[in-house]
Amino acid sequence: MDLLLAAGFEIVMPSNYIPWGGPGPEASRRQRIGVAREKIAKIAAMVVRREQLPVEKGPLWQNILFS
């Protein structure tokens, strides 16, 4: 059975990596979480509609560092 990736999404969340500065100020964390909640709702609707979309890619430095 072949499985295909139909979509991929990036959701920016507050960091929990202490050496890179931790989660940041509370206002910034709340703003990121609010944006993430909105995007998750949109993603959920796309999944329900079974949309096939290209995989979202993060910033170039992340693609180089983590791929």
C-alpha atoms as a PDB file:
ATOM      1  CA  MET A   1       0.000   0.000   0.000  1.00  0.00           C
ATOM      2  CA  ASP A   2       1.478   3.318  -1.070  1.00  0.00           C
ATOM      3  CA  LEU A   3       0.867   6.395   1.006  1.00  0.00           C
ATOM      4  CA  LEU A   4       1.260   9.872  -0.405  1.00  0.00           C
ATOM      5  CA  LEU A   5       1.754  13.106   1.474  1.00  0.00           C
ATOM      6  CA  ALA A   6      -1.197  15.292   0.462  1.00  0.00           C
ATOM      7  CA  ALA A   7      -0.164  18.472   2.312  1.00  0.00           C
ATOM      8  CA  GLY A   8       2.230  19.809   4.919  1.00  0.00           C
ATOM      9  CA  PHE A   9       1.973  22.885   7.088  1.00  0.00           C
ATOM     10  CA  GLU A  10       4.235  25.003   9.242  1.00  0.00           C
ATOM     11  CA  ILE A  11       2.923  26.328  12.542  1.00  0.00           C
ATOM     12  CA  VAL A  12       5.165  28.744  14.422  1.00  0.00           C
ATOM     13  CA  MET A  13       4.999  28.240  18.175  1.00  0.00           C
ATOM     14  CA  PRO A  14       6.932  29.738  21.107  1.00  0.00           C
ATOM     15  CA  SER A  15      10.352  28.150  21.532  1.00  0.00           C
ATOM     16  CA  ASN A  16      11.119  25.929  24.472  1.00  0.00           C
ATOM     17  CA  TYR A  17      14.841  25.742  23.703  1.00  0.00           C
ATOM     18  CA  ILE A  18      16.547  27.619  26.540  1.00  0.00           C
ATOM     19  CA  PRO A  19      19.974  28.135  24.845  1.00  0.00           C
ATOM     20  CA  TRP A  20      18.231  30.092  22.029  1.00  0.00           C
ATOM     21  CA  GLY A  21      16.464  32.359  24.496  1.00  0.00           C
ATOM     22  CA  GLY A  22      13.506  30.275  25.657  1.00  0.00           C
ATOM     23  CA  PRO A  23       9.884  31.136  24.937  1.00  0.00           C
ATOM     24  CA  GLY A  24      10.253  34.919  24.937  1.00  0.00           C
ATOM     25  CA  PRO A  25       7.983  37.547  26.481  1.00  0.00           C
ATOM     26  CA  GLU A  26       4.418  36.595  27.394  1.00  0.00           C
ATOM     27  CA  ALA A  27       2.871  39.043  24.906  1.00  0.00           C
ATOM     28  CA  SER A  28       4.889  37.483  22.078  1.00  0.00           C
ATOM     29  CA  ARG A  29       3.940  33.958  23.170  1.00  0.00           C
ATOM     30  CA  ARG A  30       0.249  34.828  23.292  1.00  0.00           C
ATOM     31  CA  GLN A  31       0.407  36.459  19.855  1.00  0.00           C
ATOM     32  CA  ARG A  32       2.121  33.405  18.308  1.00  0.00           C
ATOM     33  CA  ILE A  33      -0.358  31.032  19.898  1.00  0.00           C
ATOM     34  CA  GLY A  34      -3.278  33.143  18.656  1.00  0.00           C
ATOM     35  CA  VAL A  35      -1.937  33.080  15.096  1.00  0.00           C
ATOM     36  CA  ALA A  36      -1.337  29.328  15.396  1.00  0.00           C
ATOM     37  CA  ARG A  37      -4.913  28.683  16.544  1.00  0.00           C
ATOM     38  CA  GLU A  38      -6.287  30.538  13.529  1.00  0.00           C
ATOM     39  CA  LYS A  39      -4.038  28.612  11.164  1.00  0.00           C
ATOM     40  CA  ILE A  40      -4.925  25.281  12.781  1.00  0.00           C
ATOM     41  CA  ALA A  41      -8.625  26.015  12.206  1.00  0.00           C
ATOM     42  CA  LYS A  42      -7.891  26.702   8.520  1.00  0.00           C
ATOM     43  CA  ILE A  43      -5.797  23.535   8.242  1.00  0.00           C
ATOM     44  CA  ALA A  44      -8.583  21.475   9.835  1.00  0.00           C
ATOM     45  CA  ALA A  45     -11.057  22.788   7.245  1.00  0.00           C
ATOM     46  CA  MET A  46      -8.632  21.874   4.427  1.00  0.00           C
ATOM     47  CA  VAL A  47      -8.239  18.366   5.847  1.00  0.00           C
ATOM     48  CA  VAL A  48     -12.011  17.914   6.023  1.00  0.00           C
ATOM     49  CA  ARG A  49     -12.209  18.989   2.352  1.00  0.00           C
ATOM     50  CA  ARG A  50      -9.346  16.570   1.570  1.00  0.00           C
ATOM     51  CA  GLU A  51      -7.398  19.283  -0.218  1.00  0.00           C
ATOM     52  CA  GLN A  52      -4.051  18.376  -1.724  1.00  0.00           C
ATOM     53  CA  LEU A  53      -1.555  21.187  -1.342  1.00  0.00           C
ATOM     54  CA  PRO A  54       2.208  21.624  -1.605  1.00  0.00           C
ATOM     55  CA  VAL A  55       4.194  21.235   1.595  1.00  0.00           C
ATOM     56  CA  GLU A  56       4.897  24.564   3.278  1.00  0.00           C
ATOM     57  CA  LYS A  57       8.555  25.243   3.838  1.00  0.00           C
ATOM     58  CA  GLY A  58      10.021  27.356   6.593  1.00  0.00           C
ATOM     59  CA  PRO A  59      12.770  29.941   6.302  1.00  0.00           C
ATOM     60  CA  LEU A  60      15.846  29.010   4.242  1.00  0.00           C
ATOM     61  CA  TRP A  61      18.078  28.812   7.318  1.00  0.00           C
ATOM     62  CA  GLN A  62      15.765  26.220   8.878  1.00  0.00           C
ATOM     63  CA  ASN A  63      15.665  24.167   5.678  1.00  0.00           C
ATOM     64  CA  ILE A  64      19.462  24.122   5.527  1.00  0.00           C
ATOM     65  CA  LEU A  65      19.987  23.473   9.233  1.00  0.00           C
ATOM     66  CA  PHE A  66      17.292  20.842   9.844  1.00  0.00           C
ATOM     67  CA  SER A  67      16.877  19.044   6.497  1.00  0.00           C
END
